[in-house]
Amino acid sequence: MNKKDLRGKVLELRNSISDEEILNRSTILMNKIKKMEVFNDSKTILIYVSFDKEIDTHDMIKDCLKIGKNVVTPICNTKDRTLILGKTSMFPEGFHKTKYGILELDPKECDHVNIKEIDLIIMPGVAFTKKGERLGYGAGYYDKLLAQKSLHTITVAPVFEEFIFEDIPTDKHDMLIDYIISG
């Protein structure tokens, strides 16, 4: 199965999960991440802002701010398909919905953070393998970002267990994820 077909199949299945189940299962996964040593040791965390039927990160962002983490959220630069990293001091205040339905800071009104300053990245994705292979949405935003990260930066991806596959199609530019957190 190619990337496009697998992505379509997984998104169709994901869309059939109720909002309540997504929220409950998301809480379990985020609690697992909070118990990780790498989370507790991290000062600056980049965390995706969930939308639609993604694993919910909204409470996690608020929790990270509450406990004093430096929180950074991504802003899509659609011109070159790169991510701008915005320093996040509160959530969801100051965020606006993009044409894709994603909450983002205004890149002109927030401080930008260099990828080299990030200790931990909590990654989104459509499907994964236990080896850390990731199938995203197809635009390459995160692969470009991960290619520039520091060697000390750790990547973690929460994923519902039914979206972990033995094998998924990958390309040379696809970056591996350090930890897959499932449930």
C-alpha atoms as a PDB file:
ATOM      1  CA  MET A   1       0.000   0.000   0.000  1.00  0.00           C
ATOM      2  CA  ASN A   2       1.400   3.436  -0.872  1.00  0.00           C
ATOM      3  CA  LYS A   3       1.505   6.426   1.489  1.00  0.00           C
ATOM      4  CA  LYS A   4      -1.567   8.119   0.044  1.00  0.00           C
ATOM      5  CA  ASP A   5      -3.746   5.002   0.295  1.00  0.00           C
ATOM      6  CA  LEU A   6      -2.575   4.149   3.819  1.00  0.00           C
ATOM      7  CA  ARG A   7      -3.097   7.746   4.939  1.00  0.00           C
ATOM      8  CA  GLY A   8      -6.648   7.721   3.547  1.00  0.00           C
ATOM      9  CA  LYS A   9      -7.463   4.394   5.202  1.00  0.00           C
ATOM     10  CA  VAL A  10      -6.114   5.474   8.597  1.00  0.00           C
ATOM     11  CA  LEU A  11      -7.811   8.886   8.511  1.00  0.00           C
ATOM     12  CA  GLU A  12     -11.122   7.240   7.634  1.00  0.00           C
ATOM     13  CA  LEU A  13     -10.770   4.877  10.584  1.00  0.00           C
ATOM     14  CA  ARG A  14      -9.660   7.707  12.871  1.00  0.00           C
ATOM     15  CA  ASN A  15     -12.673   9.811  11.885  1.00  0.00           C
ATOM     16  CA  SER A  16     -14.957   7.013  13.095  1.00  0.00           C
ATOM     17  CA  ILE A  17     -13.708   7.364  16.689  1.00  0.00           C
ATOM     18  CA  SER A  18     -16.008   9.444  18.898  1.00  0.00           C
ATOM     19  CA  ASP A  19     -14.783  12.764  20.293  1.00  0.00           C
ATOM     20  CA  GLU A  20     -15.303  11.438  23.824  1.00  0.00           C
ATOM     21  CA  GLU A  21     -13.137   8.376  23.166  1.00  0.00           C
ATOM     22  CA  ILE A  22     -10.430  10.531  21.592  1.00  0.00           C
ATOM     23  CA  LEU A  23     -10.394  12.813  24.629  1.00  0.00           C
ATOM     24  CA  ASN A  24     -10.288   9.920  27.121  1.00  0.00           C
ATOM     25  CA  ARG A  25      -7.563   8.034  25.272  1.00  0.00           C
ATOM     26  CA  SER A  26      -5.602  11.247  24.686  1.00  0.00           C
ATOM     27  CA  THR A  27      -5.552  11.941  28.424  1.00  0.00           C
ATOM     28  CA  ILE A  28      -4.114   8.470  29.072  1.00  0.00           C
ATOM     29  CA  LEU A  29      -1.381   8.962  26.458  1.00  0.00           C
ATOM     30  CA  MET A  30      -0.454  12.444  27.673  1.00  0.00           C
ATOM     31  CA  ASN A  31      -0.223  11.132  31.250  1.00  0.00           C
ATOM     32  CA  LYS A  32       2.211   8.479  30.007  1.00  0.00           C
ATOM     33  CA  ILE A  33       4.341  11.195  28.430  1.00  0.00           C
ATOM     34  CA  LYS A  34       4.277  13.257  31.636  1.00  0.00           C
ATOM     35  CA  LYS A  35       5.752  10.270  33.511  1.00  0.00           C
ATOM     36  CA  MET A  36       8.693   9.952  31.121  1.00  0.00           C
ATOM     37  CA  GLU A  37      12.102  10.980  32.410  1.00  0.00           C
ATOM     38  CA  VAL A  38      12.784  12.840  29.169  1.00  0.00           C
ATOM     39  CA  PHE A  39       9.640  14.939  29.728  1.00  0.00           C
ATOM     40  CA  ASN A  40      10.578  15.771  33.304  1.00  0.00           C
ATOM     41  CA  ASP A  41      14.148  16.658  32.304  1.00  0.00           C
ATOM     42  CA  SER A  42      13.035  18.898  29.427  1.00  0.00           C
ATOM     43  CA  LYS A  43      12.874  22.657  29.890  1.00  0.00           C
ATOM     44  CA  THR A  44      11.669  23.647  26.392  1.00  0.00           C
ATOM     45  CA  ILE A  45       8.986  21.556  24.709  1.00  0.00           C
ATOM     46  CA  LEU A  46       7.576  21.879  21.211  1.00  0.00           C
ATOM     47  CA  ILE A  47       4.084  20.431  21.165  1.00  0.00           C
ATOM     48  CA  TYR A  48       1.667  20.279  18.278  1.00  0.00           C
ATOM     49  CA  VAL A  49      -1.750  21.877  18.680  1.00  0.00           C
ATOM     50  CA  SER A  50      -4.245  19.129  17.926  1.00  0.00           C
ATOM     51  CA  PHE A  51      -7.175  19.628  15.598  1.00  0.00           C
ATOM     52  CA  ASP A  52     -10.039  17.554  14.298  1.00  0.00           C
ATOM     53  CA  LYS A  53      -9.622  13.896  15.352  1.00  0.00           C
ATOM     54  CA  GLU A  54      -5.939  14.068  16.343  1.00  0.00           C
ATOM     55  CA  ILE A  55      -4.782  12.947  19.758  1.00  0.00           C
ATOM     56  CA  ASP A  56      -5.768  15.931  21.865  1.00  0.00           C
ATOM     57  CA  THR A  57      -2.928  18.111  23.173  1.00  0.00           C
ATOM     58  CA  HIS A  58      -4.858  21.146  24.420  1.00  0.00           C
ATOM     59  CA  ASP A  59      -4.843  20.159  28.109  1.00  0.00           C
ATOM     60  CA  MET A  60      -1.217  19.034  27.813  1.00  0.00           C
ATOM     61  CA  ILE A  61      -0.211  22.487  26.546  1.00  0.00           C
ATOM     62  CA  LYS A  62      -2.005  24.115  29.504  1.00  0.00           C
ATOM     63  CA  ASP A  63      -0.442  21.630  31.954  1.00  0.00           C
ATOM     64  CA  CYS A  64       3.059  22.274  30.590  1.00  0.00           C
ATOM     65  CA  LEU A  65       2.557  26.020  31.016  1.00  0.00           C
ATOM     66  CA  LYS A  66       1.250  25.495  34.580  1.00  0.00           C
ATOM     67  CA  ILE A  67       4.297  23.503  35.653  1.00  0.00           C
ATOM     68  CA  GLY A  68       6.712  26.059  34.212  1.00  0.00           C
ATOM     69  CA  LYS A  69       7.885  24.422  31.000  1.00  0.00           C
ATOM     70  CA  ASN A  70       8.898  26.680  28.130  1.00  0.00           C
ATOM     71  CA  VAL A  71       6.180  25.804  25.639  1.00  0.00           C
ATOM     72  CA  VAL A  72       6.593  26.241  21.897  1.00  0.00           C
ATOM     73  CA  THR A  73       3.875  25.583  19.324  1.00  0.00           C
ATOM     74  CA  PRO A  74       4.216  25.249  15.548  1.00  0.00           C
ATOM     75  CA  ILE A  75       3.007  27.782  12.994  1.00  0.00           C
ATOM     76  CA  CYS A  76       2.696  26.582   9.387  1.00  0.00           C
ATOM     77  CA  ASN A  77       4.517  28.678   6.821  1.00  0.00           C
ATOM     78  CA  THR A  78       2.520  27.543   3.803  1.00  0.00           C
ATOM     79  CA  LYS A  79       4.790  29.391   1.347  1.00  0.00           C
ATOM     80  CA  ASP A  80       7.699  26.991   1.821  1.00  0.00           C
ATOM     81  CA  ARG A  81       6.063  24.257   3.910  1.00  0.00           C
ATOM     82  CA  THR A  82       8.205  24.902   6.962  1.00  0.00           C
ATOM     83  CA  LEU A  83       7.277  25.392  10.601  1.00  0.00           C
ATOM     84  CA  ILE A  84       7.823  28.604  12.510  1.00  0.00           C
ATOM     85  CA  LEU A  85       8.214  27.898  16.213  1.00  0.00           C
ATOM     86  CA  GLY A  86       6.261  30.316  18.395  1.00  0.00           C
ATOM     87  CA  LYS A  87       6.910  30.872  22.094  1.00  0.00           C
ATOM     88  CA  THR A  88       3.626  30.153  23.834  1.00  0.00           C
ATOM     89  CA  SER A  89       2.848  31.835  27.137  1.00  0.00           C
ATOM     90  CA  MET A  90      -0.880  31.049  27.354  1.00  0.00           C
ATOM     91  CA  PHE A  91      -3.356  28.841  25.560  1.00  0.00           C
ATOM     92  CA  PRO A  92      -5.750  29.165  23.741  1.00  0.00           C
ATOM     93  CA  GLU A  93      -5.654  32.942  24.216  1.00  0.00           C
ATOM     94  CA  GLY A  94      -3.784  34.625  21.362  1.00  0.00           C
ATOM     95  CA  PHE A  95      -4.360  31.721  18.965  1.00  0.00           C
ATOM     96  CA  HIS A  96      -6.464  31.925  15.811  1.00  0.00           C
ATOM     97  CA  LYS A  97      -7.856  29.171  13.594  1.00  0.00           C
ATOM     98  CA  THR A  98      -6.135  28.736  10.218  1.00  0.00           C
ATOM     99  CA  LYS A  99      -7.845  27.721   6.986  1.00  0.00           C
ATOM    100  CA  TYR A 100      -6.945  24.113   7.914  1.00  0.00           C
ATOM    101  CA  GLY A 101      -8.748  24.466  11.254  1.00  0.00           C
ATOM    102  CA  ILE A 102      -5.526  24.441  13.305  1.00  0.00           C
ATOM    103  CA  LEU A 103      -5.069  26.877  16.182  1.00  0.00           C
ATOM    104  CA  GLU A 104      -1.868  28.889  15.695  1.00  0.00           C
ATOM    105  CA  LEU A 105      -0.212  31.986  17.052  1.00  0.00           C
ATOM    106  CA  ASP A 106       0.234  34.916  14.685  1.00  0.00           C
ATOM    107  CA  PRO A 107       3.878  34.650  13.555  1.00  0.00           C
ATOM    108  CA  LYS A 108       4.145  38.462  13.526  1.00  0.00           C
ATOM    109  CA  GLU A 109       2.976  38.750  17.125  1.00  0.00           C
ATOM    110  CA  CYS A 110       5.002  36.109  18.939  1.00  0.00           C
ATOM    111  CA  ASP A 111       8.634  35.438  19.741  1.00  0.00           C
ATOM    112  CA  HIS A 112      10.218  32.827  17.528  1.00  0.00           C
ATOM    113  CA  VAL A 113      12.279  29.962  18.935  1.00  0.00           C
ATOM    114  CA  ASN A 114      15.133  28.211  17.159  1.00  0.00           C
ATOM    115  CA  ILE A 115      14.764  24.427  16.762  1.00  0.00           C
ATOM    116  CA  LYS A 116      18.178  24.003  18.420  1.00  0.00           C
ATOM    117  CA  GLU A 117      16.664  25.315  21.693  1.00  0.00           C
ATOM    118  CA  ILE A 118      14.050  22.539  21.880  1.00  0.00           C
ATOM    119  CA  ASP A 119      14.641  19.657  24.321  1.00  0.00           C
ATOM    120  CA  LEU A 120      11.547  17.604  23.489  1.00  0.00           C
ATOM    121  CA  ILE A 121       9.181  17.516  20.520  1.00  0.00           C
ATOM    122  CA  ILE A 122       5.734  15.975  20.936  1.00  0.00           C
ATOM    123  CA  MET A 123       4.879  14.994  17.366  1.00  0.00           C
ATOM    124  CA  PRO A 124       1.648  14.458  15.478  1.00  0.00           C
ATOM    125  CA  GLY A 125       1.229  11.785  12.838  1.00  0.00           C
ATOM    126  CA  VAL A 126      -1.227   9.583  11.007  1.00  0.00           C
ATOM    127  CA  ALA A 127       0.461   6.182  11.397  1.00  0.00           C
ATOM    128  CA  PHE A 128       3.649   4.814  12.924  1.00  0.00           C
ATOM    129  CA  THR A 129       5.719   1.682  13.353  1.00  0.00           C
ATOM    130  CA  LYS A 130       7.269   0.498  16.610  1.00  0.00           C
ATOM    131  CA  LYS A 131      10.667   1.276  15.028  1.00  0.00           C
ATOM    132  CA  GLY A 132       9.729   4.967  14.972  1.00  0.00           C
ATOM    133  CA  GLU A 133       8.779   5.340  11.332  1.00  0.00           C
ATOM    134  CA  ARG A 134       6.106   7.998  10.841  1.00  0.00           C
ATOM    135  CA  LEU A 135       3.486   8.705   8.224  1.00  0.00           C
ATOM    136  CA  GLY A 136       2.397  12.332   8.399  1.00  0.00           C
ATOM    137  CA  TYR A 137      -0.135  14.284   6.403  1.00  0.00           C
ATOM    138  CA  GLY A 138       2.097  14.457   3.339  1.00  0.00           C
ATOM    139  CA  ALA A 139       3.343  18.047   3.289  1.00  0.00           C
ATOM    140  CA  GLY A 140       6.754  17.366   4.885  1.00  0.00           C
ATOM    141  CA  TYR A 141       6.593  20.147   7.514  1.00  0.00           C
ATOM    142  CA  TYR A 142       7.894  17.993  10.364  1.00  0.00           C
ATOM    143  CA  ASP A 143      10.487  16.095   8.314  1.00  0.00           C
ATOM    144  CA  LYS A 144      12.077  19.432   7.338  1.00  0.00           C
ATOM    145  CA  LEU A 145      12.024  20.555  10.965  1.00  0.00           C
ATOM    146  CA  LEU A 146      13.485  17.315  12.336  1.00  0.00           C
ATOM    147  CA  ALA A 147      16.333  17.450   9.826  1.00  0.00           C
ATOM    148  CA  GLN A 148      17.490  20.661  11.584  1.00  0.00           C
ATOM    149  CA  LYS A 149      17.051  19.661  15.234  1.00  0.00           C
ATOM    150  CA  SER A 150      19.878  19.325  17.697  1.00  0.00           C
ATOM    151  CA  LEU A 151      21.238  15.865  18.468  1.00  0.00           C
ATOM    152  CA  HIS A 152      20.029  16.266  22.079  1.00  0.00           C
ATOM    153  CA  THR A 153      16.426  16.956  21.024  1.00  0.00           C
ATOM    154  CA  ILE A 154      14.160  13.954  21.699  1.00  0.00           C
ATOM    155  CA  THR A 155      11.033  13.201  19.707  1.00  0.00           C
ATOM    156  CA  VAL A 156       7.940  11.551  21.168  1.00  0.00           C
ATOM    157  CA  ALA A 157       4.770  10.622  19.285  1.00  0.00           C
ATOM    158  CA  PRO A 158       1.535   9.660  21.013  1.00  0.00           C
ATOM    159  CA  VAL A 159      -0.475   7.204  18.913  1.00  0.00           C
ATOM    160  CA  PHE A 160      -3.529   5.039  19.332  1.00  0.00           C
ATOM    161  CA  GLU A 161      -2.407   1.405  19.145  1.00  0.00           C
ATOM    162  CA  GLU A 162      -4.575   0.645  16.104  1.00  0.00           C
ATOM    163  CA  PHE A 163      -2.466   3.115  14.095  1.00  0.00           C
ATOM    164  CA  ILE A 164       0.813   1.305  14.739  1.00  0.00           C
ATOM    165  CA  PHE A 165       1.736  -0.920  11.830  1.00  0.00           C
ATOM    166  CA  GLU A 166       4.408  -3.535  11.265  1.00  0.00           C
ATOM    167  CA  ASP A 167       5.564  -1.598   8.227  1.00  0.00           C
ATOM    168  CA  ILE A 168       4.640   1.668   6.507  1.00  0.00           C
ATOM    169  CA  PRO A 169       5.943   3.151   3.267  1.00  0.00           C
ATOM    170  CA  THR A 170       8.807   5.592   3.867  1.00  0.00           C
ATOM    171  CA  ASP A 171      11.144   7.778   1.848  1.00  0.00           C
ATOM    172  CA  LYS A 172      14.791   8.673   2.460  1.00  0.00           C
ATOM    173  CA  HIS A 173      13.876  12.085   3.887  1.00  0.00           C
ATOM    174  CA  ASP A 174      11.443  10.631   6.458  1.00  0.00           C
ATOM    175  CA  MET A 175      12.811  11.059   9.971  1.00  0.00           C
ATOM    176  CA  LEU A 176      12.511   8.446  12.739  1.00  0.00           C
ATOM    177  CA  ILE A 177      10.776   9.222  16.032  1.00  0.00           C
ATOM    178  CA  ASP A 178      12.672   8.367  19.249  1.00  0.00           C
ATOM    179  CA  TYR A 179       9.677   7.201  21.339  1.00  0.00           C
ATOM    180  CA  ILE A 180       6.262   5.941  20.279  1.00  0.00           C
ATOM    181  CA  ILE A 181       3.769   6.175  23.144  1.00  0.00           C
ATOM    182  CA  SER A 182       0.695   4.056  22.514  1.00  0.00           C
ATOM    183  CA  GLY A 183      -2.460   3.009  24.223  1.00  0.00           C
END
